[in-house]
Amino acid sequence: MSNVILAETTASVSELKKNPMGTVAAGEGFPVAILNRNAPAFYCVPAKAYEALMDKLEDLELNAIADSRKGQKVIKVGLDEL
């Protein structure tokens, strides 16, 4: 059975157990695919990359909300009214 691996760097679960921070460092800031019996089990994502991913997802969600509200009636509100 073939698997799609969405990372340039891979490591086994055993390698991760032996040296977790070394495994993360091997990805040089990018995700590392952790393999179990040569199949991807999960991805080890550095904190900075995860934060960037969450920021992009939030931006996509906010854009979807803005797009859904496009064309709605504009209601002007003053700061004192809030």
N, C-alpha and C. Protein backbone atom coordinates (compact mmCIF):
# COMPACT_ATOMS: atom_id res chain seq x y z
N MET A 1 0.84 -1.17 0.00
CA MET A 1 0.00 0.00 0.00
C MET A 1 0.89 1.24 0.00
N SER A 2 0.58 2.18 -0.87
CA SER A 2 1.39 3.40 -0.94
C SER A 2 0.77 4.50 -0.07
N ASN A 3 1.64 5.36 0.42
CA ASN A 3 1.22 6.46 1.28
C ASN A 3 1.80 7.76 0.75
N VAL A 4 1.05 8.82 0.89
CA VAL A 4 1.55 10.14 0.56
C VAL A 4 2.19 10.70 1.82
N ILE A 5 3.44 11.13 1.69
CA ILE A 5 4.15 11.73 2.82
C ILE A 5 4.32 13.21 2.50
N LEU A 6 3.72 14.05 3.35
CA LEU A 6 3.68 15.48 3.10
C LEU A 6 4.78 16.23 3.85
N ALA A 7 5.98 15.66 3.83
CA ALA A 7 7.14 16.30 4.46
C ALA A 7 8.39 15.81 3.75
N GLU A 8 9.39 16.67 3.71
CA GLU A 8 10.64 16.28 3.08
C GLU A 8 11.50 15.41 3.99
N THR A 9 11.28 15.52 5.31
CA THR A 9 12.07 14.77 6.28
C THR A 9 11.18 13.75 6.97
N THR A 10 11.73 12.56 7.16
CA THR A 10 11.01 11.52 7.87
C THR A 10 11.88 10.96 9.00
N ALA A 11 11.21 10.38 9.98
CA ALA A 11 11.90 9.70 11.08
C ALA A 11 10.97 8.61 11.59
N SER A 12 11.55 7.61 12.20
CA SER A 12 10.73 6.54 12.77
C SER A 12 10.30 6.93 14.17
N VAL A 13 9.32 6.21 14.69
CA VAL A 13 8.87 6.43 16.06
C VAL A 13 10.03 6.17 17.01
N SER A 14 10.84 5.17 16.72
CA SER A 14 12.00 4.84 17.56
C SER A 14 13.00 5.99 17.60
N GLU A 15 13.26 6.61 16.44
CA GLU A 15 14.17 7.76 16.39
C GLU A 15 13.61 8.92 17.21
N LEU A 16 12.31 9.13 17.12
CA LEU A 16 11.68 10.20 17.87
C LEU A 16 11.81 9.96 19.37
N LYS A 17 11.62 8.72 19.80
CA LYS A 17 11.75 8.39 21.22
C LYS A 17 13.17 8.60 21.72
N LYS A 18 14.15 8.23 20.90
CA LYS A 18 15.56 8.35 21.30
C LYS A 18 16.01 9.80 21.42
N ASN A 19 15.57 10.64 20.48
CA ASN A 19 16.05 12.02 20.45
C ASN A 19 14.95 12.94 19.90
N PRO A 20 13.97 13.30 20.74
CA PRO A 20 12.86 14.11 20.25
C PRO A 20 13.28 15.45 19.66
N MET A 21 14.13 16.18 20.36
CA MET A 21 14.52 17.51 19.87
C MET A 21 15.41 17.40 18.63
N GLY A 22 16.21 16.36 18.54
CA GLY A 22 17.02 16.14 17.34
C GLY A 22 16.16 15.84 16.13
N THR A 23 15.06 15.12 16.36
CA THR A 23 14.12 14.81 15.28
C THR A 23 13.47 16.08 14.77
N VAL A 24 13.04 16.94 15.69
CA VAL A 24 12.44 18.22 15.30
C VAL A 24 13.46 19.06 14.54
N ALA A 25 14.69 19.11 15.05
CA ALA A 25 15.75 19.91 14.42
C ALA A 25 16.08 19.40 13.03
N ALA A 26 15.92 18.11 12.79
CA ALA A 26 16.23 17.54 11.48
C ALA A 26 15.35 18.14 10.38
N GLY A 27 14.17 18.59 10.76
CA GLY A 27 13.27 19.20 9.78
C GLY A 27 13.64 20.62 9.42
N GLU A 28 14.59 21.20 10.13
CA GLU A 28 15.06 22.57 9.87
C GLU A 28 13.92 23.57 9.77
N GLY A 29 12.99 23.49 10.73
CA GLY A 29 11.87 24.43 10.78
C GLY A 29 10.62 23.96 10.06
N PHE A 30 10.71 22.84 9.38
CA PHE A 30 9.56 22.30 8.64
C PHE A 30 9.08 21.01 9.32
N PRO A 31 7.87 20.57 9.02
CA PRO A 31 7.36 19.34 9.63
C PRO A 31 8.20 18.11 9.30
N VAL A 32 8.18 17.16 10.22
CA VAL A 32 8.86 15.88 10.04
C VAL A 32 7.77 14.80 10.09
N ALA A 33 7.72 13.96 9.09
CA ALA A 33 6.76 12.85 9.08
C ALA A 33 7.31 11.74 9.96
N ILE A 34 6.53 11.32 10.95
CA ILE A 34 6.93 10.24 11.83
C ILE A 34 6.28 8.97 11.30
N LEU A 35 7.13 8.00 11.00
CA LEU A 35 6.67 6.76 10.38
C LEU A 35 6.57 5.63 11.39
N ASN A 36 5.55 4.83 11.24
CA ASN A 36 5.39 3.61 12.01
C ASN A 36 5.21 2.48 11.00
N ARG A 37 6.17 1.58 10.97
CA ARG A 37 6.18 0.49 9.97
C ARG A 37 6.12 1.05 8.56
N ASN A 38 6.92 2.08 8.32
CA ASN A 38 7.08 2.73 7.01
C ASN A 38 5.82 3.42 6.48
N ALA A 39 4.88 3.70 7.37
CA ALA A 39 3.69 4.45 6.98
C ALA A 39 3.60 5.67 7.90
N PRO A 40 3.19 6.82 7.37
CA PRO A 40 3.10 8.01 8.22
C PRO A 40 2.07 7.82 9.33
N ALA A 41 2.51 8.04 10.57
CA ALA A 41 1.62 7.93 11.72
C ALA A 41 1.15 9.32 12.15
N PHE A 42 2.06 10.29 12.10
CA PHE A 42 1.71 11.67 12.41
C PHE A 42 2.85 12.57 11.97
N TYR A 43 2.62 13.87 12.09
CA TYR A 43 3.64 14.85 11.70
C TYR A 43 4.08 15.61 12.94
N CYS A 44 5.35 15.78 13.07
CA CYS A 44 5.95 16.55 14.14
C CYS A 44 6.20 17.95 13.58
N VAL A 45 5.44 18.91 14.07
CA VAL A 45 5.49 20.26 13.50
C VAL A 45 6.10 21.22 14.53
N PRO A 46 7.16 21.92 14.17
CA PRO A 46 7.75 22.90 15.10
C PRO A 46 6.74 23.99 15.46
N ALA A 47 6.88 24.54 16.67
CA ALA A 47 5.92 25.52 17.18
C ALA A 47 5.74 26.70 16.23
N LYS A 48 6.82 27.22 15.67
CA LYS A 48 6.72 28.39 14.78
C LYS A 48 5.90 28.05 13.52
N ALA A 49 6.12 26.87 12.96
CA ALA A 49 5.37 26.45 11.78
C ALA A 49 3.90 26.24 12.12
N TYR A 50 3.63 25.68 13.29
CA TYR A 50 2.25 25.45 13.72
C TYR A 50 1.53 26.78 13.92
N GLU A 51 2.21 27.74 14.55
CA GLU A 51 1.62 29.06 14.76
C GLU A 51 1.31 29.74 13.42
N ALA A 52 2.21 29.62 12.46
CA ALA A 52 1.98 30.20 11.13
C ALA A 52 0.78 29.53 10.46
N LEU A 53 0.66 28.22 10.61
CA LEU A 53 -0.46 27.49 10.04
C LEU A 53 -1.77 27.94 10.66
N MET A 54 -1.79 28.10 11.98
CA MET A 54 -3.01 28.55 12.66
C MET A 54 -3.38 29.97 12.24
N ASP A 55 -2.38 30.85 12.05
CA ASP A 55 -2.65 32.21 11.58
C ASP A 55 -3.28 32.19 10.20
N LYS A 56 -2.77 31.33 9.31
CA LYS A 56 -3.34 31.25 7.96
C LYS A 56 -4.78 30.72 8.00
N LEU A 57 -5.03 29.72 8.84
CA LEU A 57 -6.39 29.19 8.96
C LEU A 57 -7.35 30.25 9.49
N GLU A 58 -6.89 31.02 10.47
CA GLU A 58 -7.74 32.09 11.00
C GLU A 58 -8.04 33.12 9.92
N ASP A 59 -7.02 33.48 9.13
CA ASP A 59 -7.23 34.43 8.03
C ASP A 59 -8.25 33.90 7.03
N LEU A 60 -8.17 32.61 6.69
CA LEU A 60 -9.12 32.01 5.76
C LEU A 60 -10.54 32.05 6.32
N GLU A 61 -10.67 31.75 7.61
CA GLU A 61 -11.99 31.78 8.24
C GLU A 61 -12.56 33.19 8.24
N LEU A 62 -11.72 34.18 8.59
CA LEU A 62 -12.19 35.56 8.61
C LEU A 62 -12.56 36.05 7.21
N ASN A 63 -11.79 35.63 6.21
CA ASN A 63 -12.13 36.00 4.83
C ASN A 63 -13.46 35.38 4.41
N ALA A 64 -13.71 34.16 4.82
CA ALA A 64 -14.98 33.50 4.49
C ALA A 64 -16.15 34.24 5.14
N ILE A 65 -15.96 34.69 6.38
CA ILE A 65 -17.01 35.46 7.05
C ILE A 65 -17.24 36.77 6.32
N ALA A 66 -16.16 37.46 5.99
CA ALA A 66 -16.28 38.74 5.28
C ALA A 66 -16.96 38.54 3.93
N ASP A 67 -16.59 37.49 3.20
CA ASP A 67 -17.21 37.22 1.90
C ASP A 67 -18.70 36.93 2.05
N SER A 68 -19.07 36.21 3.11
CA SER A 68 -20.49 35.87 3.30
C SER A 68 -21.31 37.10 3.64
N ARG A 69 -20.67 38.12 4.21
CA ARG A 69 -21.38 39.35 4.59
C ARG A 69 -21.33 40.42 3.51
N LYS A 70 -20.65 40.11 2.44
CA LYS A 70 -20.52 41.06 1.34
C LYS A 70 -21.91 41.37 0.78
N GLY A 71 -22.17 42.63 0.58
CA GLY A 71 -23.46 43.03 0.01
C GLY A 71 -24.53 43.27 1.05
N GLN A 72 -24.26 43.02 2.33
CA GLN A 72 -25.25 43.30 3.36
C GLN A 72 -25.37 44.80 3.57
N LYS A 73 -26.48 45.18 4.12
CA LYS A 73 -26.72 46.59 4.41
C LYS A 73 -25.70 47.07 5.45
N VAL A 74 -25.14 48.25 5.20
CA VAL A 74 -24.17 48.85 6.12
C VAL A 74 -24.92 49.65 7.16
N ILE A 75 -24.60 49.41 8.44
CA ILE A 75 -25.22 50.16 9.52
C ILE A 75 -24.11 50.95 10.21
N LYS A 76 -24.23 52.27 10.17
CA LYS A 76 -23.22 53.12 10.79
C LYS A 76 -23.48 53.20 12.29
N VAL A 77 -22.40 53.00 13.05
CA VAL A 77 -22.49 53.03 14.52
C VAL A 77 -21.35 53.89 15.04
N GLY A 78 -21.64 54.76 15.98
CA GLY A 78 -20.62 55.59 16.61
C GLY A 78 -20.01 54.85 17.80
N LEU A 79 -18.83 55.24 18.20
CA LEU A 79 -18.16 54.59 19.32
C LEU A 79 -18.96 54.71 20.60
N ASP A 80 -19.65 55.83 20.81
CA ASP A 80 -20.45 56.01 22.02
C ASP A 80 -21.64 55.07 22.08
N GLU A 81 -22.06 54.56 20.94
CA GLU A 81 -23.20 53.67 20.88
C GLU A 81 -22.84 52.22 21.20
N LEU A 82 -21.56 51.92 21.20
CA LEU A 82 -21.13 50.56 21.49
C LEU A 82 -21.14 50.38 22.97
